């Protein structure tokens, strides 16, 4: 959707994916990816690690896209992964009544980084189709690494009752008539 911040992050999983079920029967997998920049120090002739970024990530199972389940079946702690998704800022109220905010990455795709590993791909036996038309729908990486590169396409991570995504569709202010600029 227009206006979403889509990013790609490469890093290591700090723990194996944890799946939980919601009260309405949905399944979500949560992981944290630690991405540590490295720079070569010409003076010492060695690589040096910078400060790590710990990115909280979530992925949902839908009727035809079992991304959360594939992650749990395929990913393990410490695995180097490449993940792409949409940055979402969320707010909540803590136990003391304070308003809190955090940013998480709603995963569209995730898989093993092949710079340091190899993977053997096996297809899932699901009858769902990929409306995105991309190759590799329903693939899973077998070797204890990787996950299904299945795109999710909505403004919200949480799936709706029909297996789609929730959240009102965002209106693109740049499309559909008028010469007025959007308010920022």
N, C-alpha and C. Protein backbone atom coordinates (compact mmCIF):
# COMPACT_ATOMS: atom_id res chain seq x y z
N UNK A 1 0.83 -1.17 0.00
CA UNK A 1 0.00 0.00 0.00
C UNK A 1 0.88 1.24 0.00
N UNK A 2 0.36 2.30 -0.53
CA UNK A 2 1.11 3.54 -0.61
C UNK A 2 1.37 4.10 0.77
N UNK A 3 2.54 4.63 0.96
CA UNK A 3 2.87 5.29 2.20
C UNK A 3 3.41 4.40 3.30
N UNK A 4 3.46 3.10 3.08
CA UNK A 4 4.00 2.20 4.11
C UNK A 4 5.51 2.18 4.03
N UNK A 5 6.15 2.04 5.17
CA UNK A 5 7.59 1.93 5.23
C UNK A 5 7.96 0.46 5.12
N UNK A 6 8.46 0.05 3.95
CA UNK A 6 8.86 -1.34 3.74
C UNK A 6 10.37 -1.41 3.86
N UNK A 7 10.84 -2.32 4.71
CA UNK A 7 12.27 -2.45 4.91
C UNK A 7 12.69 -3.90 4.80
N UNK A 8 13.97 -4.08 4.55
CA UNK A 8 14.59 -5.40 4.55
C UNK A 8 15.67 -5.38 5.62
N UNK A 9 15.70 -6.43 6.42
CA UNK A 9 16.69 -6.52 7.49
C UNK A 9 17.38 -7.88 7.39
N UNK A 10 18.68 -7.88 7.62
CA UNK A 10 19.46 -9.11 7.63
C UNK A 10 20.10 -9.20 9.01
N UNK A 11 19.93 -10.35 9.64
CA UNK A 11 20.51 -10.51 10.96
C UNK A 11 20.26 -11.91 11.49
N UNK A 12 20.52 -12.09 12.78
CA UNK A 12 20.38 -13.39 13.42
C UNK A 12 19.19 -13.40 14.37
N UNK A 13 18.50 -14.54 14.42
CA UNK A 13 17.37 -14.68 15.35
C UNK A 13 17.90 -14.80 16.77
N UNK A 14 17.31 -14.04 17.68
CA UNK A 14 17.73 -14.10 19.08
C UNK A 14 17.12 -15.29 19.80
N UNK A 15 16.06 -15.85 19.23
CA UNK A 15 15.38 -17.03 19.81
C UNK A 15 14.58 -17.68 18.70
N UNK A 16 14.16 -18.91 18.92
CA UNK A 16 13.28 -19.59 17.96
C UNK A 16 11.92 -18.89 17.93
N UNK A 17 11.23 -18.92 16.80
CA UNK A 17 9.91 -18.29 16.74
C UNK A 17 8.95 -18.87 17.78
N UNK A 18 8.19 -18.00 18.39
CA UNK A 18 7.20 -18.43 19.37
C UNK A 18 5.83 -18.13 18.79
N UNK A 19 4.99 -19.17 18.72
CA UNK A 19 3.63 -19.00 18.19
C UNK A 19 2.66 -18.93 19.36
N UNK A 20 1.73 -18.01 19.25
CA UNK A 20 0.64 -17.95 20.22
C UNK A 20 -0.66 -17.83 19.44
N UNK A 21 -1.72 -18.30 20.07
CA UNK A 21 -3.05 -18.22 19.47
C UNK A 21 -3.81 -17.07 20.12
N UNK A 22 -4.57 -16.35 19.30
CA UNK A 22 -5.37 -15.24 19.81
C UNK A 22 -6.74 -15.75 20.22
N UNK A 23 -7.51 -14.90 20.86
CA UNK A 23 -8.84 -15.29 21.34
C UNK A 23 -9.79 -15.61 20.19
N UNK A 24 -9.55 -15.03 19.01
CA UNK A 24 -10.42 -15.32 17.86
C UNK A 24 -9.89 -16.45 16.99
N UNK A 25 -8.88 -17.19 17.46
CA UNK A 25 -8.39 -18.35 16.74
C UNK A 25 -7.22 -18.09 15.81
N UNK A 26 -6.74 -16.86 15.73
CA UNK A 26 -5.61 -16.55 14.87
C UNK A 26 -4.32 -17.05 15.48
N UNK A 27 -3.31 -17.23 14.64
CA UNK A 27 -1.99 -17.68 15.09
C UNK A 27 -0.95 -16.67 14.63
N UNK A 28 -0.09 -16.27 15.55
CA UNK A 28 0.95 -15.30 15.24
C UNK A 28 2.29 -15.82 15.77
N UNK A 29 3.32 -15.62 14.96
CA UNK A 29 4.69 -15.97 15.37
C UNK A 29 5.44 -14.67 15.63
N UNK A 30 6.18 -14.66 16.73
CA UNK A 30 6.99 -13.49 17.08
C UNK A 30 8.45 -13.90 17.13
N UNK A 31 9.30 -13.07 16.56
CA UNK A 31 10.75 -13.26 16.61
C UNK A 31 11.41 -11.91 16.77
N UNK A 32 12.65 -11.94 17.19
CA UNK A 32 13.47 -10.74 17.21
C UNK A 32 14.72 -11.02 16.39
N UNK A 33 15.03 -10.09 15.49
CA UNK A 33 16.20 -10.21 14.64
C UNK A 33 17.24 -9.20 15.12
N UNK A 34 18.44 -9.68 15.39
CA UNK A 34 19.55 -8.81 15.79
C UNK A 34 20.41 -8.54 14.56
N UNK A 35 20.47 -7.29 14.16
CA UNK A 35 21.26 -6.89 13.00
C UNK A 35 22.42 -6.05 13.49
N UNK A 36 23.63 -6.54 13.26
CA UNK A 36 24.83 -5.87 13.76
C UNK A 36 25.69 -5.42 12.59
N UNK A 37 25.88 -4.11 12.43
CA UNK A 37 26.74 -3.63 11.34
C UNK A 37 28.21 -3.94 11.63
N UNK A 38 28.95 -4.22 10.57
CA UNK A 38 30.39 -4.48 10.72
C UNK A 38 31.14 -3.52 9.81
N UNK A 39 32.25 -3.03 10.31
CA UNK A 39 33.11 -2.15 9.52
C UNK A 39 34.54 -2.64 9.62
N UNK A 40 35.26 -2.47 8.52
CA UNK A 40 36.66 -2.87 8.51
C UNK A 40 37.50 -1.70 9.01
N UNK A 41 38.29 -1.94 10.03
CA UNK A 41 39.18 -0.94 10.59
C UNK A 41 40.53 -1.09 9.90
N UNK A 42 40.87 -0.12 9.05
CA UNK A 42 42.12 -0.22 8.29
C UNK A 42 43.35 -0.11 9.18
N UNK A 43 43.20 0.59 10.29
CA UNK A 43 44.33 0.74 11.20
C UNK A 43 44.71 -0.58 11.83
N UNK A 44 43.70 -1.30 12.36
CA UNK A 44 43.97 -2.58 13.02
C UNK A 44 43.96 -3.75 12.05
N UNK A 45 43.36 -3.54 10.87
CA UNK A 45 43.28 -4.63 9.90
C UNK A 45 42.25 -5.69 10.26
N UNK A 46 41.29 -5.30 11.11
CA UNK A 46 40.28 -6.26 11.56
C UNK A 46 38.88 -5.69 11.39
N UNK A 47 37.91 -6.61 11.34
CA UNK A 47 36.50 -6.23 11.30
C UNK A 47 36.04 -5.90 12.71
N UNK A 48 35.22 -4.86 12.85
CA UNK A 48 34.69 -4.46 14.15
C UNK A 48 33.18 -4.38 14.08
N UNK A 49 32.53 -4.89 15.14
CA UNK A 49 31.07 -4.85 15.22
C UNK A 49 30.61 -3.50 15.75
N UNK A 50 29.52 -3.00 15.18
CA UNK A 50 28.88 -1.79 15.67
C UNK A 50 27.79 -2.15 16.67
N UNK A 51 26.94 -1.20 16.99
CA UNK A 51 25.84 -1.44 17.91
C UNK A 51 24.73 -2.22 17.21
N UNK A 52 24.24 -3.25 17.87
CA UNK A 52 23.20 -4.10 17.29
C UNK A 52 21.84 -3.42 17.33
N UNK A 53 21.05 -3.63 16.29
CA UNK A 53 19.65 -3.22 16.25
C UNK A 53 18.82 -4.47 16.49
N UNK A 54 17.96 -4.44 17.49
CA UNK A 54 17.08 -5.57 17.77
C UNK A 54 15.69 -5.22 17.27
N UNK A 55 15.27 -5.87 16.17
CA UNK A 55 13.98 -5.58 15.54
C UNK A 55 12.97 -6.65 15.91
N UNK A 56 11.92 -6.22 16.56
CA UNK A 56 10.81 -7.11 16.92
C UNK A 56 9.99 -7.36 15.65
N UNK A 57 9.64 -8.61 15.37
CA UNK A 57 8.92 -8.97 14.15
C UNK A 57 7.74 -9.88 14.48
N UNK A 58 6.69 -9.79 13.65
CA UNK A 58 5.54 -10.68 13.81
C UNK A 58 5.06 -11.13 12.44
N UNK A 59 4.49 -12.34 12.41
CA UNK A 59 3.94 -12.90 11.17
C UNK A 59 2.72 -13.72 11.53
N UNK A 60 1.70 -13.67 10.71
CA UNK A 60 0.42 -14.32 10.98
C UNK A 60 0.16 -15.46 10.00
N UNK A 61 -0.51 -16.48 10.48
CA UNK A 61 -1.06 -17.51 9.59
C UNK A 61 -2.37 -16.98 9.04
N UNK A 62 -2.61 -17.19 7.76
CA UNK A 62 -3.91 -16.92 7.16
C UNK A 62 -4.38 -18.21 6.52
N UNK A 63 -5.56 -18.19 5.96
CA UNK A 63 -6.14 -19.42 5.41
C UNK A 63 -5.23 -20.06 4.37
N UNK A 64 -4.63 -19.26 3.50
CA UNK A 64 -3.80 -19.81 2.42
C UNK A 64 -2.32 -19.48 2.58
N UNK A 65 -1.97 -18.81 3.66
CA UNK A 65 -0.59 -18.40 3.84
C UNK A 65 -0.13 -18.69 5.27
N UNK A 66 0.40 -19.87 5.51
CA UNK A 66 0.80 -20.26 6.87
C UNK A 66 2.20 -19.78 7.25
N UNK A 67 2.46 -18.49 7.13
CA UNK A 67 3.80 -17.97 7.39
C UNK A 67 4.25 -18.23 8.82
N UNK A 68 3.39 -18.01 9.81
CA UNK A 68 3.78 -18.23 11.21
C UNK A 68 4.15 -19.69 11.45
N UNK A 69 3.33 -20.61 10.96
CA UNK A 69 3.61 -22.04 11.14
C UNK A 69 4.88 -22.46 10.43
N UNK A 70 5.10 -21.94 9.22
CA UNK A 70 6.31 -22.27 8.48
C UNK A 70 7.55 -21.75 9.20
N UNK A 71 7.42 -20.57 9.80
CA UNK A 71 8.55 -20.03 10.56
C UNK A 71 8.90 -20.93 11.74
N UNK A 72 7.87 -21.36 12.47
CA UNK A 72 8.11 -22.21 13.63
C UNK A 72 8.75 -23.54 13.21
N UNK A 73 8.33 -24.08 12.08
CA UNK A 73 8.85 -25.36 11.61
C UNK A 73 10.25 -25.24 11.02
N UNK A 74 10.66 -24.04 10.62
CA UNK A 74 11.88 -23.90 9.85
C UNK A 74 13.00 -23.11 10.51
N UNK A 75 12.69 -22.20 11.39
CA UNK A 75 13.70 -21.29 11.93
C UNK A 75 14.14 -21.71 13.33
N UNK A 76 15.40 -21.48 13.63
CA UNK A 76 15.94 -21.79 14.95
C UNK A 76 16.76 -20.61 15.46
N UNK A 77 17.00 -20.61 16.74
CA UNK A 77 17.78 -19.55 17.38
C UNK A 77 19.16 -19.45 16.74
N UNK A 78 19.61 -18.22 16.52
CA UNK A 78 20.94 -17.99 15.97
C UNK A 78 21.02 -18.00 14.46
N UNK A 79 19.97 -18.46 13.80
CA UNK A 79 19.98 -18.56 12.34
C UNK A 79 20.05 -17.17 11.70
N UNK A 80 20.88 -17.05 10.67
CA UNK A 80 20.97 -15.79 9.92
C UNK A 80 19.85 -15.79 8.89
N UNK A 81 19.04 -14.71 8.90
CA UNK A 81 17.88 -14.62 8.02
C UNK A 81 17.84 -13.28 7.30
N UNK A 82 17.09 -13.27 6.21
CA UNK A 82 16.75 -12.05 5.49
C UNK A 82 15.25 -11.91 5.61
N UNK A 83 14.79 -10.76 6.12
CA UNK A 83 13.37 -10.55 6.33
C UNK A 83 12.94 -9.24 5.71
N UNK A 84 11.73 -9.24 5.17
CA UNK A 84 11.18 -8.02 4.59
C UNK A 84 9.77 -7.85 5.11
N UNK A 85 9.42 -6.61 5.38
CA UNK A 85 8.08 -6.34 5.86
C UNK A 85 7.81 -4.86 5.99
N UNK A 86 6.71 -4.57 6.67
CA UNK A 86 6.23 -3.21 6.84
C UNK A 86 6.40 -2.76 8.28
N UNK A 87 7.00 -1.61 8.47
CA UNK A 87 7.14 -1.06 9.81
C UNK A 87 5.79 -0.56 10.29
N UNK A 88 5.44 -0.95 11.52
CA UNK A 88 4.17 -0.55 12.11
C UNK A 88 4.45 -0.04 13.51
N UNK A 89 3.89 1.13 13.83
CA UNK A 89 4.02 1.67 15.17
C UNK A 89 2.75 1.35 15.93
N UNK A 90 2.89 0.77 17.09
CA UNK A 90 1.74 0.37 17.90
C UNK A 90 1.82 1.08 19.25
N UNK A 91 0.66 1.23 19.86
CA UNK A 91 0.62 1.81 21.19
C UNK A 91 -0.25 0.94 22.09
N UNK A 92 0.03 1.01 23.37
CA UNK A 92 -0.73 0.25 24.35
C UNK A 92 -0.61 0.96 25.70
N UNK A 93 -1.39 0.50 26.64
CA UNK A 93 -1.33 1.03 27.99
C UNK A 93 -0.77 -0.05 28.91
N UNK A 94 0.29 0.29 29.63
CA UNK A 94 0.90 -0.70 30.51
C UNK A 94 0.08 -0.87 31.80
N UNK A 95 0.55 -1.74 32.67
CA UNK A 95 -0.18 -2.07 33.91
C UNK A 95 -0.39 -0.85 34.81
N UNK A 96 0.52 0.11 34.69
CA UNK A 96 0.42 1.32 35.53
C UNK A 96 -0.39 2.42 34.87
N UNK A 97 -0.98 2.14 33.71
CA UNK A 97 -1.79 3.13 33.01
C UNK A 97 -1.01 4.09 32.15
N UNK A 98 0.30 3.86 31.98
CA UNK A 98 1.13 4.72 31.13
C UNK A 98 0.97 4.31 29.68
N UNK A 99 0.90 5.29 28.80
CA UNK A 99 0.83 5.01 27.37
C UNK A 99 2.23 4.70 26.85
N UNK A 100 2.35 3.59 26.14
CA UNK A 100 3.63 3.14 25.58
C UNK A 100 3.48 2.95 24.08
N UNK A 101 4.59 3.11 23.37
CA UNK A 101 4.61 2.89 21.93
C UNK A 101 5.81 2.04 21.58
N UNK A 102 5.68 1.24 20.52
CA UNK A 102 6.81 0.47 20.01
C UNK A 102 6.65 0.30 18.51
N UNK A 103 7.74 -0.03 17.86
CA UNK A 103 7.75 -0.26 16.42
C UNK A 103 8.06 -1.73 16.21
N UNK A 104 7.32 -2.37 15.30
CA UNK A 104 7.62 -3.75 14.94
C UNK A 104 7.56 -3.90 13.43
N UNK A 105 8.17 -4.96 12.95
CA UNK A 105 8.18 -5.28 11.54
C UNK A 105 7.17 -6.38 11.29
N UNK A 106 6.12 -6.07 10.53
CA UNK A 106 5.12 -7.07 10.14
C UNK A 106 5.68 -7.78 8.92
N UNK A 107 6.07 -9.03 9.11
CA UNK A 107 6.79 -9.75 8.06
C UNK A 107 5.91 -10.11 6.88
N UNK A 108 6.42 -9.83 5.70
CA UNK A 108 5.82 -10.29 4.45
C UNK A 108 6.56 -11.52 3.96
N UNK A 109 7.89 -11.52 4.18
CA UNK A 109 8.72 -12.64 3.74
C UNK A 109 9.89 -12.80 4.70
N UNK A 110 10.37 -14.04 4.80
CA UNK A 110 11.56 -14.32 5.61
C UNK A 110 12.18 -15.61 5.10
N UNK A 111 13.49 -15.67 5.11
CA UNK A 111 14.17 -16.87 4.65
C UNK A 111 15.62 -16.87 5.10
N UNK A 112 16.31 -17.96 4.86
CA UNK A 112 17.71 -18.05 5.30
C UNK A 112 18.61 -17.17 4.44
N UNK A 113 19.64 -16.64 5.07
CA UNK A 113 20.68 -15.92 4.34
C UNK A 113 21.65 -16.97 3.82
N UNK A 114 21.81 -17.04 2.53
CA UNK A 114 22.60 -18.11 1.92
C UNK A 114 24.08 -17.77 1.78
N UNK A 115 24.52 -16.66 2.35
CA UNK A 115 25.94 -16.33 2.31
C UNK A 115 26.76 -17.25 3.20
N UNK A 116 26.12 -17.82 4.23
CA UNK A 116 26.84 -18.67 5.18
C UNK A 116 26.24 -20.06 5.32
N UNK A 117 25.20 -20.35 4.54
CA UNK A 117 24.50 -21.63 4.67
C UNK A 117 23.98 -22.08 3.32
N UNK A 118 23.52 -23.31 3.27
CA UNK A 118 22.80 -23.80 2.10
C UNK A 118 21.42 -24.23 2.56
N UNK A 119 20.49 -24.36 1.62
CA UNK A 119 19.13 -24.76 1.97
C UNK A 119 18.59 -25.66 0.88
N UNK A 120 17.72 -26.56 1.27
CA UNK A 120 17.01 -27.40 0.32
C UNK A 120 15.53 -27.02 0.45
N UNK A 121 14.92 -26.67 -0.66
CA UNK A 121 13.55 -26.17 -0.64
C UNK A 121 12.57 -27.32 -0.86
N UNK A 122 11.55 -27.39 -0.02
CA UNK A 122 10.45 -28.34 -0.22
C UNK A 122 9.15 -27.55 -0.21
N UNK A 123 8.24 -27.93 -1.07
CA UNK A 123 6.96 -27.23 -1.16
C UNK A 123 5.99 -27.77 -0.14
N UNK A 124 5.15 -26.85 0.38
CA UNK A 124 4.05 -27.26 1.24
C UNK A 124 2.96 -27.88 0.40
N UNK A 125 2.18 -28.75 0.99
CA UNK A 125 1.03 -29.33 0.30
C UNK A 125 -0.21 -28.54 0.66
N UNK A 126 -0.32 -27.35 0.12
CA UNK A 126 -1.53 -26.56 0.34
C UNK A 126 -2.12 -26.21 -1.01
N UNK A 127 -3.42 -26.01 -1.02
CA UNK A 127 -4.10 -25.75 -2.29
C UNK A 127 -4.30 -24.28 -2.53
N UNK A 128 -3.79 -23.44 -1.64
CA UNK A 128 -3.99 -21.99 -1.79
C UNK A 128 -3.22 -21.46 -2.97
N UNK A 129 -3.73 -20.42 -3.55
CA UNK A 129 -3.07 -19.78 -4.66
C UNK A 129 -2.41 -18.50 -4.21
N UNK A 130 -1.47 -18.06 -4.97
CA UNK A 130 -0.77 -16.83 -4.67
C UNK A 130 -1.30 -15.75 -5.56
N UNK A 131 -2.09 -14.87 -5.02
CA UNK A 131 -2.66 -13.79 -5.82
C UNK A 131 -1.59 -12.83 -6.29
N UNK A 132 -0.44 -12.83 -5.63
CA UNK A 132 0.64 -11.95 -6.03
C UNK A 132 1.34 -12.44 -7.28
N UNK A 133 1.16 -13.69 -7.64
CA UNK A 133 1.73 -14.23 -8.86
C UNK A 133 3.23 -14.49 -8.79
N UNK A 134 3.83 -14.36 -7.63
CA UNK A 134 5.27 -14.56 -7.53
C UNK A 134 5.64 -16.03 -7.50
N UNK A 135 6.84 -16.31 -7.94
CA UNK A 135 7.33 -17.69 -7.89
C UNK A 135 7.67 -18.03 -6.45
N UNK A 136 7.62 -19.28 -6.12
CA UNK A 136 8.04 -19.75 -4.82
C UNK A 136 6.95 -19.76 -3.78
N UNK A 137 5.69 -19.62 -4.16
CA UNK A 137 4.61 -19.63 -3.17
C UNK A 137 4.57 -20.95 -2.44
N UNK A 138 4.48 -20.87 -1.14
CA UNK A 138 4.33 -22.07 -0.33
C UNK A 138 5.61 -22.85 -0.14
N UNK A 139 6.75 -22.27 -0.46
CA UNK A 139 8.00 -23.00 -0.29
C UNK A 139 8.44 -22.91 1.16
N UNK A 140 9.15 -23.92 1.57
CA UNK A 140 9.69 -23.97 2.92
C UNK A 140 11.12 -24.47 2.80
N UNK A 141 12.01 -23.92 3.59
CA UNK A 141 13.40 -24.31 3.51
C UNK A 141 13.67 -25.39 4.55
N UNK A 142 14.04 -26.57 4.09
CA UNK A 142 14.27 -27.70 5.00
C UNK A 142 15.75 -27.81 5.28
N UNK A 143 16.14 -27.66 6.48
CA UNK A 143 17.48 -27.85 7.01
C UNK A 143 17.56 -27.22 8.36
N UNK A 144 16.40 -26.88 8.90
CA UNK A 144 16.36 -26.18 10.15
C UNK A 144 16.53 -24.70 9.94
N UNK A 145 16.36 -24.24 8.70
CA UNK A 145 16.52 -22.82 8.44
C UNK A 145 15.58 -22.33 7.37
N UNK A 146 15.11 -21.11 7.49
CA UNK A 146 14.29 -20.47 6.48
C UNK A 146 12.83 -20.55 6.78
N UNK A 147 12.04 -19.96 5.93
CA UNK A 147 10.59 -19.99 6.09
C UNK A 147 9.95 -19.68 4.77
N UNK A 148 8.66 -19.72 4.77
CA UNK A 148 7.90 -19.52 3.56
C UNK A 148 7.93 -18.08 3.09
N UNK A 149 8.38 -17.82 1.88
CA UNK A 149 8.39 -16.46 1.37
C UNK A 149 7.03 -16.08 0.82
N UNK A 150 6.06 -15.91 1.67
CA UNK A 150 4.70 -15.63 1.25
C UNK A 150 4.35 -14.21 1.59
N UNK A 151 3.96 -13.41 0.61
CA UNK A 151 3.67 -12.02 0.90
C UNK A 151 2.35 -11.83 1.62
N UNK A 152 2.32 -10.91 2.53
CA UNK A 152 1.08 -10.44 3.13
C UNK A 152 0.87 -9.05 2.57
N UNK A 153 -0.35 -8.66 2.35
CA UNK A 153 -0.54 -7.37 1.72
C UNK A 153 -1.66 -6.60 2.39
N UNK A 154 -1.30 -5.89 3.44
CA UNK A 154 -2.30 -5.04 4.06
C UNK A 154 -1.65 -4.08 4.99
N UNK A 155 -2.44 -3.16 5.52
CA UNK A 155 -1.93 -2.17 6.42
C UNK A 155 -1.74 -2.73 7.82
N UNK A 156 -2.37 -3.82 8.15
CA UNK A 156 -2.29 -4.39 9.48
C UNK A 156 -1.74 -5.80 9.41
N UNK A 157 -1.06 -6.22 10.46
CA UNK A 157 -0.52 -7.57 10.49
C UNK A 157 -1.58 -8.60 10.82
N UNK A 158 -2.53 -8.26 11.64
CA UNK A 158 -3.49 -9.24 12.15
C UNK A 158 -4.48 -9.65 11.07
N UNK A 159 -4.67 -10.99 10.89
CA UNK A 159 -5.63 -11.44 9.89
C UNK A 159 -7.06 -11.23 10.34
N UNK A 160 -7.95 -11.05 9.39
CA UNK A 160 -9.37 -10.88 9.68
C UNK A 160 -10.10 -12.19 9.69
N UNK A 161 -11.41 -12.17 9.91
CA UNK A 161 -12.18 -13.40 10.03
C UNK A 161 -12.23 -14.24 8.77
N UNK A 162 -12.05 -13.65 7.60
CA UNK A 162 -12.12 -14.41 6.36
C UNK A 162 -10.74 -14.86 5.90
N UNK A 163 -9.76 -14.78 6.78
CA UNK A 163 -8.41 -15.18 6.41
C UNK A 163 -7.65 -14.06 5.74
N UNK A 164 -8.30 -12.94 5.50
CA UNK A 164 -7.64 -11.77 4.95
C UNK A 164 -7.05 -10.95 6.06
N UNK A 165 -6.76 -9.75 5.78
CA UNK A 165 -6.15 -8.89 6.78
C UNK A 165 -7.18 -7.87 7.27
N UNK A 166 -6.99 -7.45 8.51
CA UNK A 166 -7.88 -6.45 9.07
C UNK A 166 -7.36 -5.07 8.79
N UNK A 167 -8.10 -4.10 9.24
CA UNK A 167 -7.68 -2.71 9.07
C UNK A 167 -8.37 -2.13 7.86
N UNK A 168 -8.82 -0.91 8.00
CA UNK A 168 -9.48 -0.25 6.88
C UNK A 168 -8.46 0.01 5.79
N UNK A 169 -8.86 -0.17 4.52
CA UNK A 169 -7.92 0.09 3.45
C UNK A 169 -7.51 1.55 3.46
N UNK A 170 -6.25 1.77 3.32
CA UNK A 170 -5.77 3.14 3.32
C UNK A 170 -6.09 3.77 1.97
N UNK A 171 -6.51 5.01 1.99
CA UNK A 171 -6.78 5.76 0.78
C UNK A 171 -5.51 6.49 0.38
N UNK A 172 -5.09 6.33 -0.86
CA UNK A 172 -3.91 7.02 -1.34
C UNK A 172 -4.33 8.42 -1.75
N UNK A 173 -3.87 9.47 -1.07
CA UNK A 173 -4.31 10.82 -1.38
C UNK A 173 -3.81 11.30 -2.73
N UNK A 174 -2.84 10.60 -3.33
CA UNK A 174 -2.29 11.02 -4.60
C UNK A 174 -3.03 10.43 -5.79
N UNK A 175 -3.96 9.51 -5.53
CA UNK A 175 -4.67 8.84 -6.61
C UNK A 175 -6.14 9.22 -6.57
N UNK A 176 -6.75 9.39 -7.74
CA UNK A 176 -8.20 9.53 -7.80
C UNK A 176 -8.72 10.95 -7.73
N UNK A 177 -8.23 11.80 -8.55
CA UNK A 177 -8.86 13.10 -8.71
C UNK A 177 -8.37 14.16 -7.75
N UNK A 178 -8.69 15.37 -8.14
CA UNK A 178 -8.33 16.53 -7.30
C UNK A 178 -6.89 16.89 -7.45
N UNK A 179 -6.61 18.16 -7.30
CA UNK A 179 -5.24 18.64 -7.38
C UNK A 179 -4.71 18.99 -6.00
N UNK A 180 -5.50 18.70 -4.97
CA UNK A 180 -5.10 19.05 -3.61
C UNK A 180 -4.01 18.11 -3.13
N UNK A 181 -3.04 18.65 -2.44
CA UNK A 181 -2.02 17.82 -1.83
C UNK A 181 -2.54 17.26 -0.52
N UNK A 182 -2.05 16.08 -0.13
CA UNK A 182 -2.50 15.51 1.16
C UNK A 182 -1.94 16.29 2.32
N UNK A 183 -2.64 16.21 3.44
CA UNK A 183 -2.16 16.84 4.66
C UNK A 183 -1.13 15.94 5.31
N UNK A 184 -0.06 16.53 5.79
CA UNK A 184 0.99 15.74 6.45
C UNK A 184 1.06 16.09 7.91
